[in-house]
Amino acid sequence: MGWHMQLRILVVEDDEPLRVLAQSVAEDEGYRVKTAGSVVEAKALMETDEVDLLLTDINLHEEMTGGILVAEHPRSRFPGIPVIYTSGAGVNDGTRALFVEDSHFLPKPYKNVDLLAALRAAKPKQSRRKG
């Protein structure tokens, strides 16, 4: 079993078909995946569930930087959690400056192989994982 097996990923994506696809690709690779379609759903899940890795769209519904808010939320509970931001609009330096430490950017549209490469590159710090 590889290091990534059984890692807990939260996929935050307001586009349901893309959210389902990302979940399916990650689960097929052995990740344990929870999903959310909004900032509110994501924050609620992060309050109750353990998360090792966060994949979030930057623009969530009407919240142009909803994914930025989502990524800031778990830092107190999950210090150092890696974040993969994604967007079809691309990002400028101003937006990148808002990214949390230990983050990556995956432009949309992405292929399954690109998603898997990004998940593997965003390896969580093993020292913070319990069990």
N, C-alpha and C. Protein backbone atom coordinates (compact mmCIF):
# COMPACT_ATOMS: atom_id res chain seq x y z
N MET A 1 0.84 -1.18 0.00
CA MET A 1 0.00 0.00 0.00
C MET A 1 0.88 1.25 0.00
N GLY A 2 0.64 2.18 -0.89
CA GLY A 2 1.43 3.41 -0.97
C GLY A 2 1.11 4.36 0.17
N TRP A 3 1.95 5.40 0.33
CA TRP A 3 1.77 6.37 1.41
C TRP A 3 0.43 7.07 1.33
N HIS A 4 -0.11 7.21 0.10
CA HIS A 4 -1.34 7.98 -0.06
C HIS A 4 -2.59 7.19 0.27
N MET A 5 -2.46 5.88 0.37
CA MET A 5 -3.65 5.08 0.64
C MET A 5 -4.25 5.46 1.99
N GLN A 6 -5.52 5.60 2.01
CA GLN A 6 -6.29 5.91 3.20
C GLN A 6 -6.13 7.35 3.68
N LEU A 7 -5.46 8.20 2.92
CA LEU A 7 -5.45 9.62 3.27
C LEU A 7 -6.86 10.16 3.08
N ARG A 8 -7.23 11.07 3.94
CA ARG A 8 -8.58 11.63 3.93
C ARG A 8 -8.55 12.96 3.20
N ILE A 9 -9.27 13.00 2.09
CA ILE A 9 -9.30 14.20 1.24
C ILE A 9 -10.69 14.82 1.31
N LEU A 10 -10.70 16.14 1.37
CA LEU A 10 -11.96 16.87 1.23
C LEU A 10 -11.92 17.59 -0.12
N VAL A 11 -12.87 17.27 -0.99
CA VAL A 11 -13.00 17.90 -2.29
C VAL A 11 -14.13 18.92 -2.20
N VAL A 12 -13.78 20.20 -2.43
CA VAL A 12 -14.78 21.27 -2.37
C VAL A 12 -14.91 21.84 -3.78
N GLU A 13 -16.06 21.58 -4.39
CA GLU A 13 -16.29 21.95 -5.79
C GLU A 13 -17.78 22.18 -5.98
N ASP A 14 -18.17 23.35 -6.51
CA ASP A 14 -19.58 23.65 -6.70
C ASP A 14 -20.16 23.06 -7.98
N ASP A 15 -19.31 22.62 -8.88
CA ASP A 15 -19.75 21.97 -10.12
C ASP A 15 -19.90 20.47 -9.82
N GLU A 16 -21.15 20.02 -9.65
CA GLU A 16 -21.39 18.65 -9.19
C GLU A 16 -20.74 17.58 -10.06
N PRO A 17 -20.86 17.62 -11.39
CA PRO A 17 -20.20 16.57 -12.19
C PRO A 17 -18.69 16.53 -11.97
N LEU A 18 -18.07 17.68 -11.84
CA LEU A 18 -16.62 17.72 -11.60
C LEU A 18 -16.29 17.21 -10.20
N ARG A 19 -17.12 17.55 -9.22
CA ARG A 19 -16.94 17.07 -7.84
C ARG A 19 -17.02 15.55 -7.80
N VAL A 20 -18.02 14.98 -8.47
CA VAL A 20 -18.20 13.53 -8.51
C VAL A 20 -17.03 12.86 -9.23
N LEU A 21 -16.57 13.47 -10.31
CA LEU A 21 -15.44 12.92 -11.05
C LEU A 21 -14.17 12.92 -10.19
N ALA A 22 -13.88 14.04 -9.53
CA ALA A 22 -12.69 14.12 -8.67
C ALA A 22 -12.78 13.09 -7.55
N GLN A 23 -13.95 12.93 -6.97
CA GLN A 23 -14.14 11.94 -5.91
C GLN A 23 -13.87 10.54 -6.44
N SER A 24 -14.43 10.22 -7.58
CA SER A 24 -14.27 8.89 -8.18
C SER A 24 -12.80 8.59 -8.49
N VAL A 25 -12.12 9.54 -9.11
CA VAL A 25 -10.71 9.35 -9.47
C VAL A 25 -9.87 9.11 -8.21
N ALA A 26 -10.09 9.92 -7.17
CA ALA A 26 -9.32 9.79 -5.94
C ALA A 26 -9.65 8.47 -5.22
N GLU A 27 -10.92 8.12 -5.17
CA GLU A 27 -11.30 6.86 -4.51
C GLU A 27 -10.74 5.66 -5.24
N ASP A 28 -10.72 5.70 -6.57
CA ASP A 28 -10.16 4.60 -7.35
C ASP A 28 -8.67 4.42 -7.05
N GLU A 29 -8.02 5.49 -6.63
CA GLU A 29 -6.60 5.46 -6.30
C GLU A 29 -6.36 5.06 -4.83
N GLY A 30 -7.44 4.94 -4.06
CA GLY A 30 -7.32 4.49 -2.68
C GLY A 30 -7.49 5.56 -1.62
N TYR A 31 -7.76 6.79 -2.02
CA TYR A 31 -7.98 7.85 -1.05
C TYR A 31 -9.38 7.73 -0.46
N ARG A 32 -9.56 8.19 0.77
CA ARG A 32 -10.89 8.29 1.38
C ARG A 32 -11.36 9.71 1.15
N VAL A 33 -12.51 9.88 0.50
CA VAL A 33 -12.92 11.20 0.04
C VAL A 33 -14.27 11.61 0.62
N LYS A 34 -14.31 12.86 1.11
CA LYS A 34 -15.56 13.54 1.47
C LYS A 34 -15.69 14.69 0.48
N THR A 35 -16.91 15.10 0.22
CA THR A 35 -17.12 16.20 -0.73
C THR A 35 -18.04 17.26 -0.14
N ALA A 36 -17.87 18.47 -0.65
CA ALA A 36 -18.72 19.60 -0.28
C ALA A 36 -18.90 20.46 -1.52
N GLY A 37 -20.06 21.10 -1.61
CA GLY A 37 -20.35 21.95 -2.76
C GLY A 37 -20.34 23.43 -2.45
N SER A 38 -20.05 23.77 -1.18
CA SER A 38 -20.07 25.18 -0.79
C SER A 38 -19.11 25.42 0.37
N VAL A 39 -18.87 26.68 0.66
CA VAL A 39 -18.03 27.06 1.80
C VAL A 39 -18.65 26.55 3.10
N VAL A 40 -19.97 26.74 3.25
CA VAL A 40 -20.66 26.32 4.47
C VAL A 40 -20.54 24.81 4.67
N GLU A 41 -20.79 24.03 3.63
CA GLU A 41 -20.66 22.57 3.73
C GLU A 41 -19.24 22.15 4.09
N ALA A 42 -18.27 22.77 3.44
CA ALA A 42 -16.87 22.43 3.67
C ALA A 42 -16.47 22.71 5.11
N LYS A 43 -16.84 23.89 5.62
CA LYS A 43 -16.48 24.24 6.99
C LYS A 43 -17.14 23.30 7.99
N ALA A 44 -18.39 22.92 7.74
CA ALA A 44 -19.09 21.99 8.62
C ALA A 44 -18.38 20.63 8.64
N LEU A 45 -17.98 20.14 7.48
CA LEU A 45 -17.27 18.86 7.42
C LEU A 45 -15.93 18.92 8.15
N MET A 46 -15.24 20.03 8.01
CA MET A 46 -13.92 20.16 8.66
C MET A 46 -14.04 20.28 10.17
N GLU A 47 -15.22 20.63 10.66
CA GLU A 47 -15.43 20.69 12.11
C GLU A 47 -15.63 19.30 12.70
N THR A 48 -16.14 18.38 11.90
CA THR A 48 -16.48 17.05 12.42
C THR A 48 -15.60 15.91 11.92
N ASP A 49 -14.95 16.08 10.79
CA ASP A 49 -14.17 15.00 10.17
C ASP A 49 -12.69 15.34 10.13
N GLU A 50 -11.86 14.30 10.18
CA GLU A 50 -10.42 14.46 10.00
C GLU A 50 -10.14 14.65 8.51
N VAL A 51 -9.23 15.55 8.19
CA VAL A 51 -8.87 15.84 6.80
C VAL A 51 -7.35 15.89 6.71
N ASP A 52 -6.78 15.17 5.74
CA ASP A 52 -5.34 15.17 5.51
C ASP A 52 -4.93 16.05 4.34
N LEU A 53 -5.87 16.31 3.43
CA LEU A 53 -5.57 17.03 2.20
C LEU A 53 -6.85 17.71 1.72
N LEU A 54 -6.71 18.93 1.23
CA LEU A 54 -7.86 19.70 0.76
C LEU A 54 -7.69 20.04 -0.71
N LEU A 55 -8.69 19.71 -1.51
CA LEU A 55 -8.76 20.11 -2.92
C LEU A 55 -9.96 21.03 -3.03
N THR A 56 -9.72 22.31 -3.37
CA THR A 56 -10.84 23.24 -3.41
C THR A 56 -10.80 24.15 -4.64
N ASP A 57 -11.96 24.31 -5.23
CA ASP A 57 -12.14 25.31 -6.28
C ASP A 57 -12.02 26.67 -5.61
N ILE A 58 -11.45 27.63 -6.30
CA ILE A 58 -11.32 28.97 -5.72
C ILE A 58 -12.66 29.70 -5.73
N ASN A 59 -13.36 29.64 -6.86
CA ASN A 59 -14.64 30.33 -7.01
C ASN A 59 -15.76 29.36 -6.70
N LEU A 60 -16.43 29.58 -5.57
CA LEU A 60 -17.53 28.71 -5.15
C LEU A 60 -18.84 29.51 -5.17
N HIS A 61 -19.68 29.21 -6.15
CA HIS A 61 -20.94 29.92 -6.36
C HIS A 61 -20.68 31.41 -6.49
N GLU A 62 -21.34 32.22 -5.65
CA GLU A 62 -21.15 33.66 -5.74
C GLU A 62 -19.92 34.15 -4.99
N GLU A 63 -19.27 33.27 -4.26
CA GLU A 63 -18.09 33.66 -3.49
C GLU A 63 -16.84 33.49 -4.36
N MET A 64 -16.39 34.60 -4.92
CA MET A 64 -15.27 34.56 -5.86
C MET A 64 -13.99 33.99 -5.25
N THR A 65 -13.82 34.13 -3.93
CA THR A 65 -12.66 33.57 -3.26
C THR A 65 -13.09 32.59 -2.16
N GLY A 66 -14.18 31.90 -2.40
CA GLY A 66 -14.69 30.93 -1.43
C GLY A 66 -13.67 29.86 -1.08
N GLY A 67 -12.94 29.40 -2.08
CA GLY A 67 -11.92 28.38 -1.82
C GLY A 67 -10.79 28.89 -0.95
N ILE A 68 -10.50 30.17 -1.05
CA ILE A 68 -9.47 30.78 -0.19
C ILE A 68 -9.96 30.73 1.26
N LEU A 69 -11.23 31.05 1.48
CA LEU A 69 -11.82 30.99 2.82
C LEU A 69 -11.82 29.56 3.36
N VAL A 70 -12.17 28.62 2.51
CA VAL A 70 -12.19 27.22 2.91
C VAL A 70 -10.80 26.76 3.35
N ALA A 71 -9.78 27.15 2.62
CA ALA A 71 -8.42 26.71 2.92
C ALA A 71 -7.88 27.32 4.21
N GLU A 72 -8.35 28.51 4.56
CA GLU A 72 -7.90 29.14 5.80
C GLU A 72 -8.54 28.49 7.01
N HIS A 73 -9.72 27.95 6.86
CA HIS A 73 -10.50 27.41 7.98
C HIS A 73 -9.82 26.28 8.75
N PRO A 74 -9.23 25.28 8.09
CA PRO A 74 -8.71 24.14 8.86
C PRO A 74 -7.34 24.36 9.50
N ARG A 75 -6.71 25.50 9.29
CA ARG A 75 -5.34 25.67 9.75
C ARG A 75 -5.19 25.51 11.26
N SER A 76 -6.18 25.89 12.05
CA SER A 76 -6.05 25.73 13.50
C SER A 76 -6.23 24.27 13.92
N ARG A 77 -7.10 23.58 13.26
CA ARG A 77 -7.37 22.18 13.62
C ARG A 77 -6.40 21.23 12.94
N PHE A 78 -6.00 21.52 11.72
CA PHE A 78 -5.09 20.67 10.96
C PHE A 78 -3.89 21.48 10.50
N PRO A 79 -2.97 21.79 11.40
CA PRO A 79 -1.82 22.62 11.00
C PRO A 79 -1.04 21.99 9.85
N GLY A 80 -0.70 22.80 8.88
CA GLY A 80 0.13 22.31 7.77
C GLY A 80 -0.59 21.46 6.74
N ILE A 81 -1.91 21.41 6.79
CA ILE A 81 -2.64 20.60 5.82
C ILE A 81 -2.35 21.13 4.40
N PRO A 82 -1.95 20.24 3.50
CA PRO A 82 -1.71 20.69 2.13
C PRO A 82 -3.03 21.03 1.43
N VAL A 83 -2.95 22.04 0.58
CA VAL A 83 -4.13 22.50 -0.16
C VAL A 83 -3.81 22.52 -1.64
N ILE A 84 -4.73 21.98 -2.43
CA ILE A 84 -4.66 22.10 -3.88
C ILE A 84 -5.82 23.01 -4.29
N TYR A 85 -5.48 24.18 -4.79
CA TYR A 85 -6.49 25.10 -5.32
C TYR A 85 -6.68 24.78 -6.79
N THR A 86 -7.90 24.97 -7.27
CA THR A 86 -8.17 24.77 -8.69
C THR A 86 -9.10 25.87 -9.19
N SER A 87 -8.97 26.20 -10.47
CA SER A 87 -9.82 27.22 -11.06
C SER A 87 -9.71 27.16 -12.57
N GLY A 88 -10.81 27.44 -13.22
CA GLY A 88 -10.81 27.54 -14.68
C GLY A 88 -10.45 28.94 -15.14
N ALA A 89 -10.43 29.89 -14.21
CA ALA A 89 -10.14 31.28 -14.55
C ALA A 89 -8.66 31.62 -14.42
N GLY A 90 -7.87 30.68 -13.92
CA GLY A 90 -6.46 30.98 -13.70
C GLY A 90 -6.30 31.84 -12.46
N VAL A 91 -5.08 32.15 -12.10
CA VAL A 91 -4.83 32.99 -10.93
C VAL A 91 -3.75 34.01 -11.24
N ASN A 92 -3.88 35.15 -10.59
CA ASN A 92 -2.86 36.18 -10.73
C ASN A 92 -2.02 36.21 -9.45
N ASP A 93 -1.02 37.07 -9.42
CA ASP A 93 -0.13 37.14 -8.26
C ASP A 93 -0.88 37.55 -7.00
N GLY A 94 -1.88 38.42 -7.15
CA GLY A 94 -2.67 38.85 -6.00
C GLY A 94 -3.43 37.69 -5.36
N THR A 95 -4.00 36.84 -6.19
CA THR A 95 -4.71 35.67 -5.67
C THR A 95 -3.73 34.68 -5.06
N ARG A 96 -2.61 34.45 -5.74
CA ARG A 96 -1.59 33.53 -5.20
C ARG A 96 -1.09 33.99 -3.83
N ALA A 97 -1.04 35.28 -3.62
CA ALA A 97 -0.59 35.81 -2.33
C ALA A 97 -1.54 35.41 -1.19
N LEU A 98 -2.79 35.09 -1.53
CA LEU A 98 -3.77 34.67 -0.53
C LEU A 98 -3.72 33.18 -0.23
N PHE A 99 -2.99 32.42 -1.04
CA PHE A 99 -2.89 30.98 -0.83
C PHE A 99 -2.18 30.69 0.49
N VAL A 100 -2.62 29.62 1.16
CA VAL A 100 -1.95 29.20 2.39
C VAL A 100 -0.60 28.56 2.04
N GLU A 101 0.26 28.43 3.04
CA GLU A 101 1.52 27.74 2.85
C GLU A 101 1.24 26.30 2.44
N ASP A 102 2.21 25.69 1.80
CA ASP A 102 2.11 24.29 1.38
C ASP A 102 0.89 24.08 0.46
N SER A 103 0.77 24.95 -0.53
CA SER A 103 -0.35 24.82 -1.46
C SER A 103 0.16 24.64 -2.88
N HIS A 104 -0.75 24.14 -3.70
CA HIS A 104 -0.46 23.88 -5.11
C HIS A 104 -1.63 24.43 -5.92
N PHE A 105 -1.42 24.63 -7.21
CA PHE A 105 -2.49 25.09 -8.09
C PHE A 105 -2.65 24.11 -9.24
N LEU A 106 -3.88 23.69 -9.47
CA LEU A 106 -4.23 22.77 -10.56
C LEU A 106 -5.24 23.49 -11.46
N PRO A 107 -4.80 23.91 -12.66
CA PRO A 107 -5.73 24.63 -13.54
C PRO A 107 -6.79 23.71 -14.13
N LYS A 108 -7.99 24.25 -14.30
CA LYS A 108 -9.08 23.55 -14.98
C LYS A 108 -9.06 23.94 -16.45
N PRO A 109 -9.51 23.12 -17.33
CA PRO A 109 -9.91 21.74 -17.07
C PRO A 109 -8.67 20.88 -16.87
N TYR A 110 -8.78 19.90 -16.00
CA TYR A 110 -7.65 19.01 -15.77
C TYR A 110 -8.05 17.58 -16.14
N LYS A 111 -7.06 16.81 -16.49
CA LYS A 111 -7.26 15.40 -16.80
C LYS A 111 -7.09 14.59 -15.53
N ASN A 112 -7.63 13.38 -15.52
CA ASN A 112 -7.50 12.51 -14.35
C ASN A 112 -6.05 12.34 -13.92
N VAL A 113 -5.16 12.16 -14.90
CA VAL A 113 -3.75 11.98 -14.59
C VAL A 113 -3.17 13.23 -13.92
N ASP A 114 -3.63 14.42 -14.32
CA ASP A 114 -3.17 15.67 -13.70
C ASP A 114 -3.65 15.77 -12.25
N LEU A 115 -4.90 15.37 -12.02
CA LEU A 115 -5.44 15.39 -10.67
C LEU A 115 -4.65 14.44 -9.78
N LEU A 116 -4.39 13.24 -10.26
CA LEU A 116 -3.63 12.27 -9.45
C LEU A 116 -2.21 12.76 -9.18
N ALA A 117 -1.59 13.37 -10.16
CA ALA A 117 -0.24 13.91 -9.95
C ALA A 117 -0.26 15.01 -8.88
N ALA A 118 -1.28 15.86 -8.92
CA ALA A 118 -1.39 16.93 -7.92
C ALA A 118 -1.63 16.36 -6.52
N LEU A 119 -2.47 15.34 -6.43
CA LEU A 119 -2.73 14.71 -5.13
C LEU A 119 -1.45 14.09 -4.57
N ARG A 120 -0.69 13.44 -5.42
CA ARG A 120 0.55 12.82 -4.97
C ARG A 120 1.59 13.86 -4.57
N ALA A 121 1.63 14.98 -5.29
CA ALA A 121 2.61 16.03 -5.00
C ALA A 121 2.29 16.76 -3.69
N ALA A 122 1.04 16.77 -3.30
CA ALA A 122 0.61 17.48 -2.10
C ALA A 122 0.65 16.55 -0.89
N LYS A 123 1.77 15.89 -0.71
CA LYS A 123 1.91 14.90 0.36
C LYS A 123 1.82 15.57 1.74
N PRO A 124 0.89 15.10 2.57
CA PRO A 124 0.78 15.66 3.92
C PRO A 124 2.00 15.33 4.76
N LYS A 125 2.26 16.18 5.74
CA LYS A 125 3.34 15.92 6.68
C LYS A 125 2.93 14.73 7.55
N GLN A 126 3.65 13.65 7.47
CA GLN A 126 3.28 12.43 8.20
C GLN A 126 3.30 12.63 9.71
N SER A 127 4.12 13.56 10.19
CA SER A 127 4.24 13.77 11.63
C SER A 127 2.95 14.29 12.27
N ARG A 128 2.08 14.91 11.47
CA ARG A 128 0.86 15.46 12.04
C ARG A 128 -0.29 14.46 12.01
N ARG A 129 -0.14 13.38 11.26
CA ARG A 129 -1.21 12.40 11.14
C ARG A 129 -1.32 11.56 12.40
N LYS A 130 -2.53 11.29 12.79
CA LYS A 130 -2.78 10.38 13.91
C LYS A 130 -3.07 9.02 13.34
N GLY A 131 -2.49 7.99 14.00
CA GLY A 131 -2.78 6.61 13.60
C GLY A 131 -2.45 6.40 12.21
